[in-house]
Amino acid sequence: MKTFKKIIVFVVILGIALLSFLYFGTFSEGTRAGIIMKLSKRGTVVKTWEGQMNLETFGAVKDATNMVTETFKFSVAGDNQELIDELNAVALTGERVNLKYEEKFIQVFWRGDTKVFAIGIERTANPVKKDKDERYPRH
């Protein structure tokens, strides 16, 4: 009976350690450059901040008109109001930014819709607010 209790205690402690690692651990971290397209507070019961960034990458063909739009989805911790305010500001100006992020091991509904969390933002020196004609030159 003592051995059985020791096994149960060991399994419980191991389970708590594993869940803590998955919940708090960071799988990857990095920086993405692009234009913030959207930042919104979403959810029915649990409200989370969700955003989208347009990366504006170029395709494999060497042509200035071959712009491929790739969307990078991310979440923002609700207690990081300073970052939320800055993301809202750059979303309105359309300037290009560097978004620093962490990717978690698991996604849980009360933290956000994605496993990727914005942790910082860096404004670039030159905004990219261009007309369609400037972005896609005519030949």
N, C-alpha and C. Protein backbone atom coordinates (compact mmCIF):
# COMPACT_ATOMS: atom_id res chain seq x y z
N MET A 1 0.81 -1.19 0.00
CA MET A 1 0.00 0.00 0.00
C MET A 1 0.86 1.27 0.00
N LYS A 2 1.99 1.26 0.74
CA LYS A 2 2.89 2.41 0.77
C LYS A 2 3.49 2.66 -0.61
N THR A 3 3.84 1.61 -1.31
CA THR A 3 4.41 1.74 -2.65
C THR A 3 3.39 2.35 -3.61
N PHE A 4 2.15 1.94 -3.50
CA PHE A 4 1.09 2.47 -4.36
C PHE A 4 0.92 3.98 -4.13
N LYS A 5 0.95 4.43 -2.89
CA LYS A 5 0.83 5.85 -2.57
C LYS A 5 2.02 6.64 -3.12
N LYS A 6 3.21 6.06 -3.03
CA LYS A 6 4.40 6.72 -3.56
C LYS A 6 4.31 6.87 -5.07
N ILE A 7 3.80 5.85 -5.73
CA ILE A 7 3.64 5.90 -7.19
C ILE A 7 2.63 6.98 -7.56
N ILE A 8 1.50 7.06 -6.85
CA ILE A 8 0.48 8.07 -7.13
C ILE A 8 1.05 9.47 -6.93
N VAL A 9 1.76 9.70 -5.83
CA VAL A 9 2.37 11.00 -5.56
C VAL A 9 3.37 11.35 -6.66
N PHE A 10 4.19 10.40 -7.08
CA PHE A 10 5.17 10.62 -8.14
C PHE A 10 4.48 11.00 -9.45
N VAL A 11 3.43 10.28 -9.80
CA VAL A 11 2.70 10.56 -11.05
C VAL A 11 2.05 11.93 -11.00
N VAL A 12 1.49 12.31 -9.86
CA VAL A 12 0.86 13.63 -9.72
C VAL A 12 1.90 14.73 -9.85
N ILE A 13 3.03 14.59 -9.18
CA ILE A 13 4.10 15.59 -9.26
C ILE A 13 4.65 15.68 -10.68
N LEU A 14 4.85 14.55 -11.31
CA LEU A 14 5.31 14.54 -12.71
C LEU A 14 4.29 15.21 -13.63
N GLY A 15 3.01 14.95 -13.42
CA GLY A 15 1.96 15.57 -14.23
C GLY A 15 1.92 17.08 -14.06
N ILE A 16 2.05 17.55 -12.82
CA ILE A 16 2.07 18.99 -12.56
C ILE A 16 3.29 19.63 -13.21
N ALA A 17 4.44 18.98 -13.13
CA ALA A 17 5.66 19.51 -13.74
C ALA A 17 5.52 19.58 -15.27
N LEU A 18 4.94 18.54 -15.86
CA LEU A 18 4.76 18.52 -17.32
C LEU A 18 3.78 19.60 -17.76
N LEU A 19 2.66 19.73 -17.08
CA LEU A 19 1.68 20.76 -17.43
C LEU A 19 2.25 22.17 -17.25
N SER A 20 3.03 22.38 -16.20
CA SER A 20 3.67 23.68 -15.98
C SER A 20 4.65 24.00 -17.10
N PHE A 21 5.42 23.02 -17.50
CA PHE A 21 6.38 23.21 -18.59
C PHE A 21 5.64 23.57 -19.88
N LEU A 22 4.58 22.84 -20.21
CA LEU A 22 3.83 23.11 -21.44
C LEU A 22 3.13 24.46 -21.40
N TYR A 23 2.63 24.86 -20.24
CA TYR A 23 1.87 26.11 -20.11
C TYR A 23 2.80 27.33 -20.11
N PHE A 24 3.87 27.27 -19.35
CA PHE A 24 4.75 28.43 -19.21
C PHE A 24 5.95 28.41 -20.15
N GLY A 25 6.28 27.26 -20.70
CA GLY A 25 7.46 27.14 -21.55
C GLY A 25 7.31 27.84 -22.89
N THR A 26 8.42 28.29 -23.44
CA THR A 26 8.45 28.95 -24.74
C THR A 26 9.09 28.02 -25.75
N PHE A 27 8.37 27.73 -26.84
CA PHE A 27 8.85 26.85 -27.89
C PHE A 27 9.84 27.58 -28.79
N SER A 28 9.49 28.81 -29.18
CA SER A 28 10.39 29.61 -30.00
C SER A 28 10.12 31.08 -29.75
N GLU A 29 11.07 31.90 -30.14
CA GLU A 29 10.90 33.34 -30.05
C GLU A 29 11.60 33.98 -31.23
N GLY A 30 11.12 35.15 -31.62
CA GLY A 30 11.72 35.79 -32.77
C GLY A 30 11.09 37.14 -33.08
N THR A 31 11.35 37.61 -34.28
CA THR A 31 10.86 38.90 -34.75
C THR A 31 10.30 38.74 -36.14
N ARG A 32 9.16 39.36 -36.40
CA ARG A 32 8.56 39.41 -37.73
C ARG A 32 8.39 40.86 -38.12
N ALA A 33 8.65 41.18 -39.38
CA ALA A 33 8.49 42.54 -39.88
C ALA A 33 7.29 42.61 -40.79
N GLY A 34 6.50 43.65 -40.64
CA GLY A 34 5.33 43.82 -41.48
C GLY A 34 4.48 44.99 -41.03
N ILE A 35 3.23 44.98 -41.48
CA ILE A 35 2.28 46.04 -41.17
C ILE A 35 1.13 45.44 -40.37
N ILE A 36 0.83 46.03 -39.22
CA ILE A 36 -0.28 45.55 -38.40
C ILE A 36 -1.57 45.89 -39.11
N MET A 37 -2.35 44.86 -39.43
CA MET A 37 -3.61 45.07 -40.14
C MET A 37 -4.77 45.19 -39.18
N LYS A 38 -4.72 44.45 -38.09
CA LYS A 38 -5.88 44.39 -37.21
C LYS A 38 -5.45 44.02 -35.80
N LEU A 39 -6.13 44.64 -34.83
CA LEU A 39 -5.99 44.26 -33.43
C LEU A 39 -7.37 44.40 -32.82
N SER A 40 -7.88 43.31 -32.27
CA SER A 40 -9.23 43.35 -31.72
C SER A 40 -9.33 42.51 -30.46
N LYS A 41 -10.28 42.91 -29.62
CA LYS A 41 -10.58 42.16 -28.40
C LYS A 41 -11.73 41.24 -28.74
N ARG A 42 -11.49 39.93 -28.65
CA ARG A 42 -12.47 38.94 -29.11
C ARG A 42 -12.84 37.98 -27.99
N GLY A 43 -13.99 37.34 -28.18
CA GLY A 43 -14.41 36.30 -27.27
C GLY A 43 -15.80 36.53 -26.72
N THR A 44 -16.47 35.44 -26.40
CA THR A 44 -17.81 35.51 -25.83
C THR A 44 -17.74 35.58 -24.31
N VAL A 45 -17.11 34.62 -23.70
CA VAL A 45 -16.99 34.58 -22.25
C VAL A 45 -15.64 35.16 -21.81
N VAL A 46 -14.57 34.70 -22.43
CA VAL A 46 -13.22 35.16 -22.11
C VAL A 46 -12.74 36.06 -23.25
N LYS A 47 -12.47 37.32 -22.95
CA LYS A 47 -12.00 38.28 -23.95
C LYS A 47 -10.49 38.22 -24.06
N THR A 48 -9.99 38.07 -25.29
CA THR A 48 -8.55 38.06 -25.54
C THR A 48 -8.24 39.02 -26.67
N TRP A 49 -7.03 39.53 -26.69
CA TRP A 49 -6.58 40.44 -27.75
C TRP A 49 -5.92 39.61 -28.86
N GLU A 50 -6.44 39.76 -30.08
CA GLU A 50 -5.94 39.02 -31.24
C GLU A 50 -5.55 40.01 -32.33
N GLY A 51 -4.45 39.71 -33.02
CA GLY A 51 -3.98 40.60 -34.07
C GLY A 51 -3.55 39.86 -35.31
N GLN A 52 -3.45 40.63 -36.41
CA GLN A 52 -2.96 40.11 -37.68
C GLN A 52 -1.96 41.08 -38.26
N MET A 53 -0.90 40.52 -38.81
CA MET A 53 0.15 41.32 -39.42
C MET A 53 0.32 40.88 -40.87
N ASN A 54 0.40 41.84 -41.77
CA ASN A 54 0.66 41.57 -43.18
C ASN A 54 2.16 41.61 -43.37
N LEU A 55 2.75 40.47 -43.78
CA LEU A 55 4.21 40.38 -43.91
C LEU A 55 4.71 40.91 -45.24
N GLU A 56 3.86 40.98 -46.26
CA GLU A 56 4.21 41.49 -47.59
C GLU A 56 5.52 40.92 -48.10
N THR A 57 5.53 39.63 -48.34
CA THR A 57 6.71 38.98 -48.88
C THR A 57 6.65 38.95 -50.40
N PHE A 58 7.77 38.73 -51.02
CA PHE A 58 7.82 38.66 -52.47
C PHE A 58 7.89 37.21 -52.91
N GLY A 59 7.27 36.91 -54.04
CA GLY A 59 7.25 35.56 -54.57
C GLY A 59 8.56 35.16 -55.21
N ALA A 60 8.58 33.96 -55.77
CA ALA A 60 9.80 33.42 -56.36
C ALA A 60 10.12 34.05 -57.71
N VAL A 61 9.11 34.56 -58.41
CA VAL A 61 9.32 35.15 -59.72
C VAL A 61 9.90 36.55 -59.56
N LYS A 62 10.92 36.87 -60.35
CA LYS A 62 11.54 38.19 -60.26
C LYS A 62 10.70 39.21 -61.01
N ASP A 63 9.70 39.71 -60.32
CA ASP A 63 8.78 40.67 -60.91
C ASP A 63 8.29 41.56 -59.78
N ALA A 64 8.34 42.86 -59.95
CA ALA A 64 7.95 43.79 -58.88
C ALA A 64 6.47 43.70 -58.55
N THR A 65 5.67 43.17 -59.47
CA THR A 65 4.23 43.08 -59.21
C THR A 65 3.85 41.77 -58.54
N ASN A 66 4.82 40.91 -58.29
CA ASN A 66 4.53 39.59 -57.70
C ASN A 66 4.64 39.64 -56.18
N MET A 67 3.81 40.46 -55.55
CA MET A 67 3.81 40.58 -54.10
C MET A 67 2.82 39.55 -53.53
N VAL A 68 3.29 38.73 -52.62
CA VAL A 68 2.46 37.72 -51.99
C VAL A 68 2.11 38.23 -50.59
N THR A 69 0.84 38.23 -50.28
CA THR A 69 0.42 38.68 -48.96
C THR A 69 0.32 37.48 -48.03
N GLU A 70 1.13 37.50 -47.00
CA GLU A 70 1.10 36.44 -46.00
C GLU A 70 0.68 37.06 -44.67
N THR A 71 -0.29 36.44 -44.01
CA THR A 71 -0.80 36.97 -42.75
C THR A 71 -0.21 36.19 -41.58
N PHE A 72 0.26 36.93 -40.60
CA PHE A 72 0.82 36.36 -39.37
C PHE A 72 -0.15 36.69 -38.24
N LYS A 73 -0.75 35.66 -37.65
CA LYS A 73 -1.71 35.86 -36.58
C LYS A 73 -1.02 35.72 -35.23
N PHE A 74 -1.42 36.58 -34.28
CA PHE A 74 -0.80 36.57 -32.96
C PHE A 74 -1.81 37.00 -31.90
N SER A 75 -1.49 36.72 -30.65
CA SER A 75 -2.29 37.16 -29.51
C SER A 75 -1.44 38.09 -28.66
N VAL A 76 -2.12 38.87 -27.81
CA VAL A 76 -1.43 39.78 -26.90
C VAL A 76 -1.98 39.53 -25.51
N ALA A 77 -1.11 39.44 -24.53
CA ALA A 77 -1.55 39.26 -23.15
C ALA A 77 -2.38 40.47 -22.73
N GLY A 78 -3.53 40.23 -22.11
CA GLY A 78 -4.45 41.30 -21.75
C GLY A 78 -3.90 42.28 -20.74
N ASP A 79 -2.91 41.89 -19.96
CA ASP A 79 -2.36 42.79 -18.94
C ASP A 79 -1.25 43.69 -19.49
N ASN A 80 -0.91 43.56 -20.76
CA ASN A 80 0.15 44.36 -21.38
C ASN A 80 -0.48 45.54 -22.13
N GLN A 81 -1.08 46.47 -21.39
CA GLN A 81 -1.82 47.58 -21.99
C GLN A 81 -0.93 48.50 -22.81
N GLU A 82 0.31 48.69 -22.41
CA GLU A 82 1.23 49.56 -23.16
C GLU A 82 1.46 49.01 -24.58
N LEU A 83 1.65 47.70 -24.70
CA LEU A 83 1.84 47.09 -26.01
C LEU A 83 0.55 47.15 -26.83
N ILE A 84 -0.59 46.93 -26.21
CA ILE A 84 -1.87 47.00 -26.91
C ILE A 84 -2.09 48.40 -27.48
N ASP A 85 -1.79 49.44 -26.69
CA ASP A 85 -1.95 50.82 -27.16
C ASP A 85 -1.03 51.12 -28.33
N GLU A 86 0.21 50.65 -28.26
CA GLU A 86 1.16 50.90 -29.34
C GLU A 86 0.77 50.14 -30.62
N LEU A 87 0.30 48.90 -30.48
CA LEU A 87 -0.16 48.14 -31.64
C LEU A 87 -1.36 48.81 -32.29
N ASN A 88 -2.29 49.33 -31.49
CA ASN A 88 -3.43 50.07 -32.04
C ASN A 88 -2.97 51.31 -32.79
N ALA A 89 -1.98 52.01 -32.27
CA ALA A 89 -1.48 53.22 -32.92
C ALA A 89 -0.85 52.90 -34.27
N VAL A 90 -0.01 51.88 -34.34
CA VAL A 90 0.64 51.57 -35.62
C VAL A 90 -0.33 50.93 -36.61
N ALA A 91 -1.38 50.30 -36.12
CA ALA A 91 -2.40 49.76 -37.02
C ALA A 91 -3.12 50.89 -37.75
N LEU A 92 -3.29 52.01 -37.09
CA LEU A 92 -3.96 53.16 -37.70
C LEU A 92 -3.07 53.92 -38.67
N THR A 93 -1.75 53.94 -38.44
CA THR A 93 -0.85 54.68 -39.32
C THR A 93 -0.40 53.87 -40.52
N GLY A 94 -0.42 52.55 -40.41
CA GLY A 94 0.01 51.71 -41.52
C GLY A 94 1.51 51.62 -41.67
N GLU A 95 2.25 51.97 -40.63
CA GLU A 95 3.70 51.92 -40.73
C GLU A 95 4.23 50.50 -40.52
N ARG A 96 5.39 50.24 -41.08
CA ARG A 96 6.03 48.94 -40.97
C ARG A 96 6.72 48.85 -39.62
N VAL A 97 6.54 47.71 -38.95
CA VAL A 97 7.10 47.52 -37.62
C VAL A 97 7.77 46.15 -37.51
N ASN A 98 8.59 45.99 -36.50
CA ASN A 98 9.16 44.70 -36.14
C ASN A 98 8.43 44.22 -34.90
N LEU A 99 7.77 43.08 -34.98
CA LEU A 99 7.00 42.53 -33.88
C LEU A 99 7.79 41.41 -33.23
N LYS A 100 8.10 41.57 -31.95
CA LYS A 100 8.81 40.53 -31.21
C LYS A 100 7.76 39.61 -30.60
N TYR A 101 8.01 38.29 -30.69
CA TYR A 101 7.00 37.34 -30.24
C TYR A 101 7.62 36.12 -29.59
N GLU A 102 6.77 35.40 -28.84
CA GLU A 102 7.11 34.10 -28.27
C GLU A 102 6.03 33.11 -28.69
N GLU A 103 6.45 31.91 -29.02
CA GLU A 103 5.50 30.85 -29.36
C GLU A 103 5.50 29.84 -28.22
N LYS A 104 4.33 29.59 -27.66
CA LYS A 104 4.18 28.66 -26.55
C LYS A 104 3.96 27.24 -27.08
N PHE A 105 4.10 26.26 -26.22
CA PHE A 105 3.90 24.86 -26.61
C PHE A 105 2.43 24.54 -26.87
N ILE A 106 1.54 25.09 -26.04
CA ILE A 106 0.12 24.77 -26.18
C ILE A 106 -0.71 26.05 -26.22
N GLN A 107 -1.87 25.97 -26.83
CA GLN A 107 -2.81 27.07 -26.89
C GLN A 107 -3.97 26.75 -25.97
N VAL A 108 -4.28 27.67 -25.06
CA VAL A 108 -5.43 27.50 -24.17
C VAL A 108 -6.35 28.70 -24.37
N PHE A 109 -7.65 28.47 -24.32
CA PHE A 109 -8.62 29.46 -24.74
C PHE A 109 -8.59 30.74 -23.90
N TRP A 110 -8.18 30.68 -22.64
CA TRP A 110 -8.21 31.89 -21.83
C TRP A 110 -7.00 32.78 -22.06
N ARG A 111 -5.99 32.29 -22.79
CA ARG A 111 -4.83 33.12 -23.10
C ARG A 111 -4.92 33.75 -24.48
N GLY A 112 -5.58 33.07 -25.43
CA GLY A 112 -5.68 33.62 -26.78
C GLY A 112 -6.01 32.55 -27.79
N ASP A 113 -6.27 32.99 -29.03
CA ASP A 113 -6.64 32.07 -30.11
C ASP A 113 -5.43 31.41 -30.76
N THR A 114 -4.23 31.91 -30.48
CA THR A 114 -3.02 31.35 -31.09
C THR A 114 -2.03 30.95 -30.01
N LYS A 115 -0.97 30.27 -30.44
CA LYS A 115 0.14 29.93 -29.54
C LYS A 115 1.22 31.01 -29.58
N VAL A 116 1.05 32.00 -30.47
CA VAL A 116 2.05 33.05 -30.67
C VAL A 116 1.61 34.31 -29.92
N PHE A 117 2.50 34.84 -29.07
CA PHE A 117 2.18 36.01 -28.26
C PHE A 117 3.16 37.14 -28.54
N ALA A 118 2.62 38.32 -28.89
CA ALA A 118 3.44 39.50 -29.08
C ALA A 118 3.96 39.94 -27.72
N ILE A 119 5.26 40.21 -27.64
CA ILE A 119 5.85 40.65 -26.38
C ILE A 119 6.50 42.02 -26.51
N GLY A 120 6.60 42.53 -27.74
CA GLY A 120 7.19 43.85 -27.93
C GLY A 120 7.06 44.30 -29.37
N ILE A 121 7.26 45.58 -29.58
CA ILE A 121 7.17 46.13 -30.93
C ILE A 121 8.26 47.18 -31.10
N GLU A 122 8.80 47.23 -32.30
CA GLU A 122 9.84 48.21 -32.63
C GLU A 122 9.42 48.90 -33.91
N ARG A 123 9.25 50.20 -33.84
CA ARG A 123 8.88 50.96 -35.04
C ARG A 123 10.11 51.14 -35.92
N THR A 124 9.94 50.97 -37.22
CA THR A 124 11.05 51.17 -38.15
C THR A 124 11.16 52.64 -38.48
N ALA A 125 12.29 53.03 -39.03
CA ALA A 125 12.56 54.44 -39.29
C ALA A 125 11.63 55.03 -40.35
N ASN A 126 11.29 54.24 -41.36
CA ASN A 126 10.49 54.79 -42.44
C ASN A 126 9.15 54.06 -42.57
N PRO A 127 8.04 54.78 -42.47
CA PRO A 127 6.74 54.15 -42.66
C PRO A 127 6.54 53.72 -44.10
N VAL A 128 5.69 52.75 -44.32
CA VAL A 128 5.47 52.19 -45.65
C VAL A 128 4.10 52.56 -46.19
N LYS A 129 3.53 53.66 -45.84
CA LYS A 129 2.21 54.06 -46.32
C LYS A 129 2.36 54.49 -47.77
N LYS A 130 2.01 53.62 -48.71
CA LYS A 130 2.16 53.89 -50.14
C LYS A 130 0.84 53.72 -50.86
N ASP A 131 0.73 54.42 -51.98
CA ASP A 131 -0.43 54.22 -52.84
C ASP A 131 -0.23 52.92 -53.60
N LYS A 132 -1.29 52.41 -54.15
CA LYS A 132 -1.21 51.17 -54.91
C LYS A 132 -0.27 51.34 -56.11
N ASP A 133 -0.32 52.53 -56.74
CA ASP A 133 0.53 52.76 -57.92
C ASP A 133 2.01 52.78 -57.55
N GLU A 134 2.37 53.26 -56.37
CA GLU A 134 3.77 53.28 -55.95
C GLU A 134 4.28 51.88 -55.61
N ARG A 135 3.40 51.06 -55.07
CA ARG A 135 3.80 49.71 -54.66
C ARG A 135 3.99 48.81 -55.86
N TYR A 136 3.18 48.99 -56.88
CA TYR A 136 3.23 48.15 -58.08
C TYR A 136 3.53 49.03 -59.28
N PRO A 137 4.80 49.27 -59.55
CA PRO A 137 5.16 50.19 -60.66
C PRO A 137 4.74 49.61 -62.02
N ARG A 138 4.40 50.52 -62.90
CA ARG A 138 4.00 50.10 -64.26
C ARG A 138 5.23 49.98 -65.12
N HIS A 139 5.17 49.06 -66.07
CA HIS A 139 6.31 48.85 -66.98
C HIS A 139 5.94 49.32 -68.35
